[in-house]
Amino acid sequence: MTFTVLSDSDIKRLFQGQSSDEVASLTHALDQALIQYSTQDEKQYQPHRGVVTRPGGQVSLFMPATTQYLIGVKIVGITAPALKSALTLCDATGEAVGIVNAAELTAFRISLGSMLLYRMRSNTENILVFGAGKQALWHIRLAVLVRGQDIRTVTVVNRSTQRAQDLVETLTNDPESGWPEHIKLQVFDGNASLETLVVAADLLSESARTKSRFISAIGSYRLDMTEIDPELLKEVVNTPGVFSNQVWNGNIAVDTIDGCLQEAGELVKAGLNPDQMVEIGNLQQARESNSSLELDEWLQSGFVIYKSVGIGIMDLAIGHSLLQLASSKGVGLNAEIF
């Protein structure tokens, strides 16, 4: 079996100038992985992730995962200014089939996870992005690719104005995709930190509640981090409450309930229980099988909050799809015998 190595430049080459069909294929792979995780008993076959902190401050994250056909593990080195990461993939027998530089892959698959729900929105004229790193880059790129004709403004808020300007230049000077002339791209100074970015008071006023919103929260991943005010989450899941007519069954959408209960600081501080969360895999399955009018209305025009902390099975799905795409395009290094 051929063993393939995809470097960071290989991954960027595959991602640059993606066709809508290629993005649709990756979206389908991620969609199916999350449906299997949530509805087909795949949770029981997913090992727990591990975190090791050494005395010198070195922090390492290990994210193993399995499917019926794949075994893999992603190793992440948490260092400034950017994470270092590698994903190893094996077939079901344990034979290695590839290793992928996962820095760009991780940002892409997290952003693609957000798109699974975002693509359904009926109104998406204005987008507000906190941060200017890889996650911001891919959320904006994919949003424009998926719903570009409906977007009018994209606003980037970041502590470093220079870094935000660098992001703008990357987006507008992309020789492959370019930047749509009808979308205004602007930068504001911000103060991103471990503290809350989305404050309850900003969204609880009568005028604020008249607007439809989709919030993708993918930045906080520890119990001491909050990017959404826990008080807002309490109001969102409160039935009956001020958002009752905008939220389906008082739910927050998540990628993994178990993971969010262990790692999502804002959800834990809000005291949310599993019954107040719905996994995106369950939502996708419901839509494919027997979607209700209320569910569709919520996803299209209701107040949707999506929280993601990441699951290893998502990396397997995207990593394997990239190996297939690389093979079709002649990208990467191949060894016939490993």
C-alpha atoms as a PDB file:
ATOM      1  CA  MET A   1       0.000   0.000   0.000  1.00  0.00           C
ATOM      2  CA  THR A   2       1.264   3.473  -0.892  1.00  0.00           C
ATOM      3  CA  PHE A   3       2.327   5.715   1.997  1.00  0.00           C
ATOM      4  CA  THR A   4       1.866   9.444   1.350  1.00  0.00           C
ATOM      5  CA  VAL A   5       3.505  12.427   3.035  1.00  0.00           C
ATOM      6  CA  LEU A   6       1.769  15.802   2.748  1.00  0.00           C
ATOM      7  CA  SER A   7       3.800  18.801   3.916  1.00  0.00           C
ATOM      8  CA  ASP A   8       2.405  22.159   4.961  1.00  0.00           C
ATOM      9  CA  SER A   9       3.052  23.521   1.471  1.00  0.00           C
ATOM     10  CA  ASP A  10       1.283  20.486  -0.035  1.00  0.00           C
ATOM     11  CA  ILE A  11      -1.785  21.091   2.120  1.00  0.00           C
ATOM     12  CA  LYS A  12      -1.853  24.783   1.229  1.00  0.00           C
ATOM     13  CA  ARG A  13      -1.527  23.873  -2.443  1.00  0.00           C
ATOM     14  CA  LEU A  14      -4.542  21.569  -2.170  1.00  0.00           C
ATOM     15  CA  PHE A  15      -6.565  24.206  -0.343  1.00  0.00           C
ATOM     16  CA  GLN A  16      -5.639  27.113  -2.614  1.00  0.00           C
ATOM     17  CA  GLY A  17      -8.168  27.668  -5.346  1.00  0.00           C
ATOM     18  CA  GLN A  18     -10.436  24.810  -4.309  1.00  0.00           C
ATOM     19  CA  SER A  19     -13.367  24.247  -6.606  1.00  0.00           C
ATOM     20  CA  SER A  20     -16.879  24.248  -5.195  1.00  0.00           C
ATOM     21  CA  ASP A  21     -17.068  20.519  -5.989  1.00  0.00           C
ATOM     22  CA  GLU A  22     -13.920  19.822  -3.957  1.00  0.00           C
ATOM     23  CA  VAL A  23     -15.253  21.775  -0.982  1.00  0.00           C
ATOM     24  CA  ALA A  24     -18.577  19.959  -1.325  1.00  0.00           C
ATOM     25  CA  SER A  25     -16.745  16.618  -1.218  1.00  0.00           C
ATOM     26  CA  LEU A  26     -14.828  17.591   1.934  1.00  0.00           C
ATOM     27  CA  THR A  27     -18.038  18.926   3.475  1.00  0.00           C
ATOM     28  CA  HIS A  28     -19.801  15.626   2.797  1.00  0.00           C
ATOM     29  CA  ALA A  29     -16.934  13.656   4.369  1.00  0.00           C
ATOM     30  CA  LEU A  30     -17.060  15.786   7.522  1.00  0.00           C
ATOM     31  CA  ASP A  31     -20.848  15.675   7.590  1.00  0.00           C
ATOM     32  CA  GLN A  32     -20.910  11.876   7.459  1.00  0.00           C
ATOM     33  CA  ALA A  33     -18.203  11.532  10.118  1.00  0.00           C
ATOM     34  CA  LEU A  34     -20.211  13.675  12.542  1.00  0.00           C
ATOM     35  CA  ILE A  35     -23.442  11.798  11.772  1.00  0.00           C
ATOM     36  CA  GLN A  36     -21.679   8.488  12.469  1.00  0.00           C
ATOM     37  CA  TYR A  37     -20.220   9.878  15.693  1.00  0.00           C
ATOM     38  CA  SER A  38     -23.584  11.080  17.003  1.00  0.00           C
ATOM     39  CA  THR A  39     -26.067   8.526  15.653  1.00  0.00           C
ATOM     40  CA  GLN A  40     -24.259   5.271  14.821  1.00  0.00           C
ATOM     41  CA  ASP A  41     -22.553   4.335  18.106  1.00  0.00           C
ATOM     42  CA  GLU A  42     -19.129   5.617  17.019  1.00  0.00           C
ATOM     43  CA  LYS A  43     -18.615   7.471  20.317  1.00  0.00           C
ATOM     44  CA  GLN A  44     -17.803   4.269  22.172  1.00  0.00           C
ATOM     45  CA  TYR A  45     -14.874   3.600  19.829  1.00  0.00           C
ATOM     46  CA  GLN A  46     -13.210   6.996  20.292  1.00  0.00           C
ATOM     47  CA  PRO A  47     -10.260   7.032  22.748  1.00  0.00           C
ATOM     48  CA  HIS A  48      -9.973   9.935  25.150  1.00  0.00           C
ATOM     49  CA  ARG A  49      -7.639  12.721  24.113  1.00  0.00           C
ATOM     50  CA  GLY A  50      -4.611  13.315  26.299  1.00  0.00           C
ATOM     51  CA  VAL A  51      -2.797  16.456  27.414  1.00  0.00           C
ATOM     52  CA  VAL A  52       0.746  16.415  28.815  1.00  0.00           C
ATOM     53  CA  THR A  53       2.324  19.466  30.440  1.00  0.00           C
ATOM     54  CA  ARG A  54       6.014  19.148  31.223  1.00  0.00           C
ATOM     55  CA  PRO A  55       7.886  21.124  33.927  1.00  0.00           C
ATOM     56  CA  GLY A  56       9.462  23.461  31.385  1.00  0.00           C
ATOM     57  CA  GLY A  57       6.049  24.523  30.105  1.00  0.00           C
ATOM     58  CA  GLN A  58       5.900  22.266  27.049  1.00  0.00           C
ATOM     59  CA  VAL A  59       2.261  21.349  26.369  1.00  0.00           C
ATOM     60  CA  SER A  60       1.390  18.456  24.059  1.00  0.00           C
ATOM     61  CA  LEU A  61      -2.038  17.312  22.942  1.00  0.00           C
ATOM     62  CA  PHE A  62      -2.775  13.796  21.643  1.00  0.00           C
ATOM     63  CA  MET A  63      -6.026  13.216  19.719  1.00  0.00           C
ATOM     64  CA  PRO A  64      -6.560   9.561  18.721  1.00  0.00           C
ATOM     65  CA  ALA A  65      -9.564   8.422  16.692  1.00  0.00           C
ATOM     66  CA  THR A  66     -10.945   5.380  14.899  1.00  0.00           C
ATOM     67  CA  THR A  67     -13.574   4.590  12.286  1.00  0.00           C
ATOM     68  CA  GLN A  68     -14.598   1.317  10.674  1.00  0.00           C
ATOM     69  CA  TYR A  69     -11.913   1.886   8.049  1.00  0.00           C
ATOM     70  CA  LEU A  70      -9.301   4.163   9.632  1.00  0.00           C
ATOM     71  CA  ILE A  71      -7.102   4.560  12.706  1.00  0.00           C
ATOM     72  CA  GLY A  72      -5.269   7.788  13.401  1.00  0.00           C
ATOM     73  CA  VAL A  73      -3.789  10.176  15.890  1.00  0.00           C
ATOM     74  CA  LYS A  74      -3.075  13.880  15.740  1.00  0.00           C
ATOM     75  CA  ILE A  75      -0.223  15.261  17.825  1.00  0.00           C
ATOM     76  CA  VAL A  76      -0.285  18.967  18.643  1.00  0.00           C
ATOM     77  CA  GLY A  77       2.485  21.067  20.145  1.00  0.00           C
ATOM     78  CA  ILE A  78       0.932  24.094  21.827  1.00  0.00           C
ATOM     79  CA  THR A  79       3.560  26.790  21.384  1.00  0.00           C
ATOM     80  CA  ALA A  80       3.495  30.470  20.474  1.00  0.00           C
ATOM     81  CA  PRO A  81       2.882  32.014  18.044  1.00  0.00           C
ATOM     82  CA  ALA A  82       1.172  29.111  16.248  1.00  0.00           C
ATOM     83  CA  LEU A  83       0.393  25.473  16.966  1.00  0.00           C
ATOM     84  CA  LYS A  84       2.499  22.732  15.387  1.00  0.00           C
ATOM     85  CA  SER A  85       0.635  19.582  14.444  1.00  0.00           C
ATOM     86  CA  ALA A  86       0.899  16.279  12.550  1.00  0.00           C
ATOM     87  CA  LEU A  87      -1.755  13.687  11.701  1.00  0.00           C
ATOM     88  CA  THR A  88      -0.852  10.033  11.130  1.00  0.00           C
ATOM     89  CA  LEU A  89      -3.384   7.812   9.361  1.00  0.00           C
ATOM     90  CA  CYS A  90      -3.556   4.006   9.161  1.00  0.00           C
ATOM     91  CA  ASP A  91      -6.047   1.630   7.586  1.00  0.00           C
ATOM     92  CA  ALA A  92      -8.235  -0.637   9.713  1.00  0.00           C
ATOM     93  CA  THR A  93      -5.423  -3.207  10.036  1.00  0.00           C
ATOM     94  CA  GLY A  94      -3.002  -0.615  11.396  1.00  0.00           C
ATOM     95  CA  GLU A  95      -0.944  -0.279   8.211  1.00  0.00           C
ATOM     96  CA  ALA A  96       0.205   3.320   7.818  1.00  0.00           C
ATOM     97  CA  VAL A  97      -1.189   5.096   4.757  1.00  0.00           C
ATOM     98  CA  GLY A  98      -0.021   8.655   5.325  1.00  0.00           C
ATOM     99  CA  ILE A  99       1.188  11.484   7.493  1.00  0.00           C
ATOM    100  CA  VAL A 100      -0.141  15.003   7.074  1.00  0.00           C
ATOM    101  CA  ASN A 101       1.062  18.343   8.400  1.00  0.00           C
ATOM    102  CA  ALA A 102      -2.078  19.243  10.323  1.00  0.00           C
ATOM    103  CA  ALA A 103      -1.612  22.932  11.168  1.00  0.00           C
ATOM    104  CA  GLU A 104      -3.573  24.204   8.160  1.00  0.00           C
ATOM    105  CA  LEU A 105      -5.789  21.113   8.150  1.00  0.00           C
ATOM    106  CA  THR A 106      -6.967  21.781  11.712  1.00  0.00           C
ATOM    107  CA  ALA A 107      -7.949  25.380  10.983  1.00  0.00           C
ATOM    108  CA  PHE A 108      -9.715  24.275   7.817  1.00  0.00           C
ATOM    109  CA  ARG A 109     -11.730  21.431   9.363  1.00  0.00           C
ATOM    110  CA  ILE A 110     -12.828  23.548  12.341  1.00  0.00           C
ATOM    111  CA  SER A 111     -13.984  26.260   9.944  1.00  0.00           C
ATOM    112  CA  LEU A 112     -15.672  23.696   7.706  1.00  0.00           C
ATOM    113  CA  GLY A 113     -17.525  22.411  10.771  1.00  0.00           C
ATOM    114  CA  SER A 114     -18.955  25.897  11.265  1.00  0.00           C
ATOM    115  CA  MET A 115     -20.047  25.974   7.629  1.00  0.00           C
ATOM    116  CA  LEU A 116     -22.240  22.886   8.089  1.00  0.00           C
ATOM    117  CA  LEU A 117     -24.793  25.046   9.909  1.00  0.00           C
ATOM    118  CA  TYR A 118     -23.844  28.484   8.569  1.00  0.00           C
ATOM    119  CA  ARG A 119     -24.587  27.492   4.954  1.00  0.00           C
ATOM    120  CA  MET A 120     -28.292  27.139   5.858  1.00  0.00           C
ATOM    121  CA  ARG A 121     -28.762  30.760   6.974  1.00  0.00           C
ATOM    122  CA  SER A 122     -31.294  32.768   4.999  1.00  0.00           C
ATOM    123  CA  ASN A 123     -29.698  36.119   5.841  1.00  0.00           C
ATOM    124  CA  THR A 124     -25.934  36.563   6.112  1.00  0.00           C
ATOM    125  CA  GLU A 125     -25.189  40.093   4.953  1.00  0.00           C
ATOM    126  CA  ASN A 126     -22.823  41.000   7.801  1.00  0.00           C
ATOM    127  CA  ILE A 127     -20.066  38.841   9.308  1.00  0.00           C
ATOM    128  CA  LEU A 128     -18.063  39.756  12.427  1.00  0.00           C
ATOM    129  CA  VAL A 129     -14.829  37.842  13.091  1.00  0.00           C
ATOM    130  CA  PHE A 130     -12.803  37.980  16.317  1.00  0.00           C
ATOM    131  CA  GLY A 131      -9.128  37.188  15.686  1.00  0.00           C
ATOM    132  CA  ALA A 132      -6.865  37.228  12.652  1.00  0.00           C
ATOM    133  CA  GLY A 133      -5.155  33.830  12.620  1.00  0.00           C
ATOM    134  CA  LYS A 134      -5.695  30.686  10.546  1.00  0.00           C
ATOM    135  CA  GLN A 135      -9.155  30.092  11.998  1.00  0.00           C
ATOM    136  CA  ALA A 136     -10.267  33.569  10.979  1.00  0.00           C
ATOM    137  CA  LEU A 137      -8.730  33.144   7.531  1.00  0.00           C
ATOM    138  CA  TRP A 138     -10.542  29.892   6.818  1.00  0.00           C
ATOM    139  CA  HIS A 139     -13.860  30.939   8.305  1.00  0.00           C
ATOM    140  CA  ILE A 140     -13.856  33.967   6.014  1.00  0.00           C
ATOM    141  CA  ARG A 141     -12.621  32.083   2.950  1.00  0.00           C
ATOM    142  CA  LEU A 142     -15.186  29.314   3.310  1.00  0.00           C
ATOM    143  CA  ALA A 143     -18.034  31.695   4.136  1.00  0.00           C
ATOM    144  CA  VAL A 144     -17.280  33.680   0.978  1.00  0.00           C
ATOM    145  CA  LEU A 145     -17.020  30.491  -1.076  1.00  0.00           C
ATOM    146  CA  VAL A 146     -20.286  29.099   0.310  1.00  0.00           C
ATOM    147  CA  ARG A 147     -22.396  32.274   0.531  1.00  0.00           C
ATOM    148  CA  GLY A 148     -20.337  35.008  -1.107  1.00  0.00           C
ATOM    149  CA  GLN A 149     -23.142  36.496  -3.192  1.00  0.00           C
ATOM    150  CA  ASP A 150     -25.214  37.097  -0.033  1.00  0.00           C
ATOM    151  CA  ILE A 151     -22.451  38.754   2.038  1.00  0.00           C
ATOM    152  CA  ARG A 152     -21.996  42.540   2.085  1.00  0.00           C
ATOM    153  CA  THR A 153     -19.489  43.246   4.885  1.00  0.00           C
ATOM    154  CA  VAL A 154     -16.835  41.282   6.778  1.00  0.00           C
ATOM    155  CA  THR A 155     -15.419  42.986   9.879  1.00  0.00           C
ATOM    156  CA  VAL A 156     -12.253  41.672  11.559  1.00  0.00           C
ATOM    157  CA  VAL A 157     -11.646  42.568  15.222  1.00  0.00           C
ATOM    158  CA  ASN A 158      -8.158  41.882  16.591  1.00  0.00           C
ATOM    159  CA  ARG A 159      -5.771  43.170  19.254  1.00  0.00           C
ATOM    160  CA  SER A 160      -3.024  43.660  16.686  1.00  0.00           C
ATOM    161  CA  THR A 161      -4.110  45.969  13.899  1.00  0.00           C
ATOM    162  CA  GLN A 162      -1.083  44.938  11.851  1.00  0.00           C
ATOM    163  CA  ARG A 163      -1.978  41.257  12.048  1.00  0.00           C
ATOM    164  CA  ALA A 164      -5.526  42.056  11.021  1.00  0.00           C
ATOM    165  CA  GLN A 165      -4.228  44.081   8.073  1.00  0.00           C
ATOM    166  CA  ASP A 166      -2.015  41.131   7.114  1.00  0.00           C
ATOM    167  CA  LEU A 167      -5.116  38.932   7.067  1.00  0.00           C
ATOM    168  CA  VAL A 168      -6.904  41.434   4.840  1.00  0.00           C
ATOM    169  CA  GLU A 169      -3.951  41.466   2.436  1.00  0.00           C
ATOM    170  CA  THR A 170      -3.865  37.661   2.339  1.00  0.00           C
ATOM    171  CA  LEU A 171      -7.559  37.534   1.485  1.00  0.00           C
ATOM    172  CA  THR A 172      -7.609  40.344  -1.058  1.00  0.00           C
ATOM    173  CA  ASN A 173      -4.351  39.418  -2.802  1.00  0.00           C
ATOM    174  CA  ASP A 174      -5.111  35.710  -3.232  1.00  0.00           C
ATOM    175  CA  PRO A 175      -4.179  35.020  -6.883  1.00  0.00           C
ATOM    176  CA  GLU A 176      -6.366  31.913  -7.011  1.00  0.00           C
ATOM    177  CA  SER A 177      -9.700  33.139  -5.667  1.00  0.00           C
ATOM    178  CA  GLY A 178      -9.395  36.926  -5.406  1.00  0.00           C
ATOM    179  CA  TRP A 179     -11.843  38.959  -3.331  1.00  0.00           C
ATOM    180  CA  PRO A 180     -15.418  39.775  -4.428  1.00  0.00           C
ATOM    181  CA  GLU A 181     -15.750  43.477  -5.191  1.00  0.00           C
ATOM    182  CA  HIS A 182     -19.193  43.742  -3.592  1.00  0.00           C
ATOM    183  CA  ILE A 183     -17.960  42.606  -0.126  1.00  0.00           C
ATOM    184  CA  LYS A 184     -16.513  45.316   2.129  1.00  0.00           C
ATOM    185  CA  LEU A 185     -13.627  43.987   4.245  1.00  0.00           C
ATOM    186  CA  GLN A 186     -12.776  46.170   7.250  1.00  0.00           C
ATOM    187  CA  VAL A 187     -10.660  46.064  10.430  1.00  0.00           C
ATOM    188  CA  PHE A 188     -11.368  47.252  13.985  1.00  0.00           C
ATOM    189  CA  ASP A 189      -9.047  47.231  16.995  1.00  0.00           C
ATOM    190  CA  GLY A 190     -10.094  44.759  19.672  1.00  0.00           C
ATOM    191  CA  ASN A 191      -8.973  43.222  22.931  1.00  0.00           C
ATOM    192  CA  ALA A 192      -9.167  39.450  22.497  1.00  0.00           C
ATOM    193  CA  SER A 193      -8.132  37.521  25.606  1.00  0.00           C
ATOM    194  CA  LEU A 194      -9.310  34.767  27.917  1.00  0.00           C
ATOM    195  CA  GLU A 195     -12.225  37.040  28.790  1.00  0.00           C
ATOM    196  CA  THR A 196     -15.674  37.084  27.209  1.00  0.00           C
ATOM    197  CA  LEU A 197     -16.029  38.424  23.660  1.00  0.00           C
ATOM    198  CA  VAL A 198     -19.802  38.123  23.284  1.00  0.00           C
ATOM    199  CA  VAL A 199     -21.417  39.898  26.254  1.00  0.00           C
ATOM    200  CA  ALA A 200     -25.006  39.091  27.239  1.00  0.00           C
ATOM    201  CA  ALA A 201     -26.084  42.724  27.612  1.00  0.00           C
ATOM    202  CA  ASP A 202     -25.189  43.400  23.962  1.00  0.00           C
ATOM    203  CA  LEU A 203     -27.750  40.856  22.742  1.00  0.00           C
ATOM    204  CA  LEU A 204     -30.483  41.048  25.380  1.00  0.00           C
ATOM    205  CA  SER A 205     -31.927  44.457  24.537  1.00  0.00           C
ATOM    206  CA  GLU A 206     -35.285  44.559  22.786  1.00  0.00           C
ATOM    207  CA  SER A 207     -33.762  45.933  19.575  1.00  0.00           C
ATOM    208  CA  ALA A 208     -30.952  43.356  19.581  1.00  0.00           C
ATOM    209  CA  ARG A 209     -33.428  40.498  19.957  1.00  0.00           C
ATOM    210  CA  THR A 210     -35.197  41.484  16.746  1.00  0.00           C
ATOM    211  CA  LYS A 211     -32.165  40.412  14.703  1.00  0.00           C
ATOM    212  CA  SER A 212     -31.329  36.915  13.500  1.00  0.00           C
ATOM    213  CA  ARG A 213     -27.873  35.636  14.489  1.00  0.00           C
ATOM    214  CA  PHE A 214     -25.579  32.676  13.941  1.00  0.00           C
ATOM    215  CA  ILE A 215     -22.613  32.525  16.342  1.00  0.00           C
ATOM    216  CA  SER A 216     -19.769  30.069  15.787  1.00  0.00           C
ATOM    217  CA  ALA A 217     -17.660  29.782  18.947  1.00  0.00           C
ATOM    218  CA  ILE A 218     -14.450  27.883  18.254  1.00  0.00           C
ATOM    219  CA  GLY A 219     -11.836  29.877  20.202  1.00  0.00           C
ATOM    220  CA  SER A 220     -12.072  28.703  23.812  1.00  0.00           C
ATOM    221  CA  TYR A 221     -10.954  25.172  24.619  1.00  0.00           C
ATOM    222  CA  ARG A 222     -10.258  25.219  28.377  1.00  0.00           C
ATOM    223  CA  LEU A 223     -12.451  25.624  31.424  1.00  0.00           C
ATOM    224  CA  ASP A 224     -10.782  28.962  32.275  1.00  0.00           C
ATOM    225  CA  MET A 225     -11.610  30.415  28.842  1.00  0.00           C
ATOM    226  CA  THR A 226     -14.924  32.010  27.854  1.00  0.00           C
ATOM    227  CA  GLU A 227     -15.735  33.613  24.515  1.00  0.00           C
ATOM    228  CA  ILE A 228     -19.499  33.832  25.097  1.00  0.00           C
ATOM    229  CA  ASP A 229     -21.038  35.301  28.232  1.00  0.00           C
ATOM    230  CA  PRO A 230     -22.442  32.402  30.325  1.00  0.00           C
ATOM    231  CA  GLU A 231     -25.388  34.656  31.185  1.00  0.00           C
ATOM    232  CA  LEU A 232     -26.303  34.799  27.500  1.00  0.00           C
ATOM    233  CA  LEU A 233     -26.176  31.004  27.259  1.00  0.00           C
ATOM    234  CA  LYS A 234     -28.489  30.731  30.269  1.00  0.00           C
ATOM    235  CA  GLU A 235     -31.009  32.959  28.518  1.00  0.00           C
ATOM    236  CA  VAL A 236     -30.734  31.062  25.229  1.00  0.00           C
ATOM    237  CA  VAL A 237     -31.555  27.682  26.807  1.00  0.00           C
ATOM    238  CA  ASN A 238     -34.220  29.122  29.121  1.00  0.00           C
ATOM    239  CA  THR A 239     -37.663  27.893  28.064  1.00  0.00           C
ATOM    240  CA  PRO A 240     -39.809  29.876  28.277  1.00  0.00           C
ATOM    241  CA  GLY A 241     -37.494  32.871  28.045  1.00  0.00           C
ATOM    242  CA  VAL A 242     -36.703  35.930  25.953  1.00  0.00           C
ATOM    243  CA  PHE A 243     -35.282  33.784  23.128  1.00  0.00           C
ATOM    244  CA  SER A 244     -37.902  31.011  23.228  1.00  0.00           C
ATOM    245  CA  ASN A 245     -39.331  31.894  19.818  1.00  0.00           C
ATOM    246  CA  GLN A 246     -35.845  32.014  18.250  1.00  0.00           C
ATOM    247  CA  VAL A 247     -34.231  28.843  19.631  1.00  0.00           C
ATOM    248  CA  TRP A 248     -35.242  25.258  18.807  1.00  0.00           C
ATOM    249  CA  ASN A 249     -36.108  23.400  22.034  1.00  0.00           C
ATOM    250  CA  GLY A 250     -33.778  25.662  24.017  1.00  0.00           C
ATOM    251  CA  ASN A 251     -30.662  24.085  22.492  1.00  0.00           C
ATOM    252  CA  ILE A 252     -27.046  25.050  21.913  1.00  0.00           C
ATOM    253  CA  ALA A 253     -25.523  23.247  18.910  1.00  0.00           C
ATOM    254  CA  VAL A 254     -22.181  21.503  19.591  1.00  0.00           C
ATOM    255  CA  ASP A 255     -19.819  19.107  17.848  1.00  0.00           C
ATOM    256  CA  THR A 256     -19.510  16.854  20.915  1.00  0.00           C
ATOM    257  CA  ILE A 257     -21.534  17.047  24.119  1.00  0.00           C
ATOM    258  CA  ASP A 258     -18.980  15.062  26.123  1.00  0.00           C
ATOM    259  CA  GLY A 259     -16.098  17.220  24.903  1.00  0.00           C
ATOM    260  CA  CYS A 260     -17.907  20.491  25.582  1.00  0.00           C
ATOM    261  CA  LEU A 261     -18.799  19.432  29.120  1.00  0.00           C
ATOM    262  CA  GLN A 262     -15.097  18.800  29.754  1.00  0.00           C
ATOM    263  CA  GLU A 263     -13.508  21.712  27.883  1.00  0.00           C
ATOM    264  CA  ALA A 264     -15.940  24.524  27.012  1.00  0.00           C
ATOM    265  CA  GLY A 265     -15.560  27.044  29.834  1.00  0.00           C
ATOM    266  CA  GLU A 266     -18.598  29.130  28.946  1.00  0.00           C
ATOM    267  CA  LEU A 267     -20.954  26.137  28.751  1.00  0.00           C
ATOM    268  CA  VAL A 268     -19.724  24.747  32.068  1.00  0.00           C
ATOM    269  CA  LYS A 269     -19.934  28.143  33.810  1.00  0.00           C
ATOM    270  CA  ALA A 270     -23.471  28.546  32.494  1.00  0.00           C
ATOM    271  CA  GLY A 271     -24.366  25.238  34.147  1.00  0.00           C
ATOM    272  CA  LEU A 272     -25.673  23.691  30.935  1.00  0.00           C
ATOM    273  CA  ASN A 273     -26.598  20.020  31.037  1.00  0.00           C
ATOM    274  CA  PRO A 274     -26.522  17.520  28.140  1.00  0.00           C
ATOM    275  CA  ASP A 275     -30.256  17.947  27.498  1.00  0.00           C
ATOM    276  CA  GLN A 276     -29.626  21.589  26.572  1.00  0.00           C
ATOM    277  CA  MET A 277     -27.115  20.706  23.840  1.00  0.00           C
ATOM    278  CA  VAL A 278     -27.649  19.022  20.498  1.00  0.00           C
ATOM    279  CA  GLU A 279     -24.796  17.562  18.461  1.00  0.00           C
ATOM    280  CA  ILE A 280     -24.413  18.721  14.904  1.00  0.00           C
ATOM    281  CA  GLY A 281     -24.396  15.090  13.766  1.00  0.00           C
ATOM    282  CA  ASN A 282     -27.886  14.625  15.207  1.00  0.00           C
ATOM    283  CA  LEU A 283     -29.051  17.823  13.503  1.00  0.00           C
ATOM    284  CA  GLN A 284     -27.702  16.711  10.150  1.00  0.00           C
ATOM    285  CA  GLN A 285     -29.275  13.272  10.505  1.00  0.00           C
ATOM    286  CA  ALA A 286     -32.621  14.837  11.434  1.00  0.00           C
ATOM    287  CA  ARG A 287     -32.508  17.080   8.381  1.00  0.00           C
ATOM    288  CA  GLU A 288     -31.665  14.179   6.075  1.00  0.00           C
ATOM    289  CA  SER A 289     -34.339  11.852   7.436  1.00  0.00           C
ATOM    290  CA  ASN A 290     -37.399  13.695   8.699  1.00  0.00           C
ATOM    291  CA  SER A 291     -36.648  17.335   9.386  1.00  0.00           C
ATOM    292  CA  SER A 292     -39.312  19.353  11.174  1.00  0.00           C
ATOM    293  CA  LEU A 293     -40.443  22.793  10.075  1.00  0.00           C
ATOM    294  CA  GLU A 294     -39.403  24.201  13.467  1.00  0.00           C
ATOM    295  CA  LEU A 295     -35.877  22.784  13.100  1.00  0.00           C
ATOM    296  CA  ASP A 296     -35.476  24.197   9.599  1.00  0.00           C
ATOM    297  CA  GLU A 297     -36.730  27.615  10.688  1.00  0.00           C
ATOM    298  CA  TRP A 298     -34.265  27.672  13.595  1.00  0.00           C
ATOM    299  CA  LEU A 299     -31.293  26.768  11.422  1.00  0.00           C
ATOM    300  CA  GLN A 300     -32.295  29.206   8.690  1.00  0.00           C
ATOM    301  CA  SER A 301     -33.421  32.263  10.624  1.00  0.00           C
ATOM    302  CA  GLY A 302     -33.350  31.572  14.369  1.00  0.00           C
ATOM    303  CA  PHE A 303     -30.722  32.372  16.997  1.00  0.00           C
ATOM    304  CA  VAL A 304     -28.136  29.601  16.584  1.00  0.00           C
ATOM    305  CA  ILE A 305     -25.047  29.243  18.772  1.00  0.00           C
ATOM    306  CA  TYR A 306     -22.580  26.565  17.668  1.00  0.00           C
ATOM    307  CA  LYS A 307     -19.769  25.566  20.035  1.00  0.00           C
ATOM    308  CA  SER A 308     -16.884  23.393  18.849  1.00  0.00           C
ATOM    309  CA  VAL A 309     -13.974  21.937  20.813  1.00  0.00           C
ATOM    310  CA  GLY A 310     -12.984  19.430  18.119  1.00  0.00           C
ATOM    311  CA  ILE A 311     -13.126  15.643  17.760  1.00  0.00           C
ATOM    312  CA  GLY A 312     -10.400  13.377  16.409  1.00  0.00           C
ATOM    313  CA  ILE A 313     -12.823  11.740  13.982  1.00  0.00           C
ATOM    314  CA  MET A 314     -13.116  15.087  12.184  1.00  0.00           C
ATOM    315  CA  ASP A 315      -9.369  15.044  11.514  1.00  0.00           C
ATOM    316  CA  LEU A 316      -9.570  11.491  10.157  1.00  0.00           C
ATOM    317  CA  ALA A 317     -12.368  12.413   7.765  1.00  0.00           C
ATOM    318  CA  ILE A 318     -10.619  15.477   6.334  1.00  0.00           C
ATOM    319  CA  GLY A 319      -7.142  13.921   6.429  1.00  0.00           C
ATOM    320  CA  HIS A 320      -8.249  10.862   4.473  1.00  0.00           C
ATOM    321  CA  SER A 321     -10.110  12.996   1.938  1.00  0.00           C
ATOM    322  CA  LEU A 322      -6.990  15.111   1.439  1.00  0.00           C
ATOM    323  CA  LEU A 323      -4.891  12.000   0.800  1.00  0.00           C
ATOM    324  CA  GLN A 324      -7.364  11.021  -1.922  1.00  0.00           C
ATOM    325  CA  LEU A 325      -7.369  14.535  -3.386  1.00  0.00           C
ATOM    326  CA  ALA A 326      -3.554  14.631  -3.324  1.00  0.00           C
ATOM    327  CA  SER A 327      -3.417  11.315  -5.180  1.00  0.00           C
ATOM    328  CA  SER A 328      -5.706  12.620  -7.917  1.00  0.00           C
ATOM    329  CA  LYS A 329      -3.598  15.778  -8.316  1.00  0.00           C
ATOM    330  CA  GLY A 330      -0.150  14.239  -7.975  1.00  0.00           C
ATOM    331  CA  VAL A 331       0.646  16.204  -4.818  1.00  0.00           C
ATOM    332  CA  GLY A 332       2.902  14.949  -2.010  1.00  0.00           C
ATOM    333  CA  LEU A 333       5.647  12.366  -1.595  1.00  0.00           C
ATOM    334  CA  ASN A 334       4.800   8.687  -2.059  1.00  0.00           C
ATOM    335  CA  ALA A 335       6.550   5.545  -0.867  1.00  0.00           C
ATOM    336  CA  GLU A 336       5.333   2.284  -2.378  1.00  0.00           C
ATOM    337  CA  ILE A 337       6.782   0.313   0.542  1.00  0.00           C
ATOM    338  CA  PHE A 338       6.718   1.667   4.099  1.00  0.00           C
END
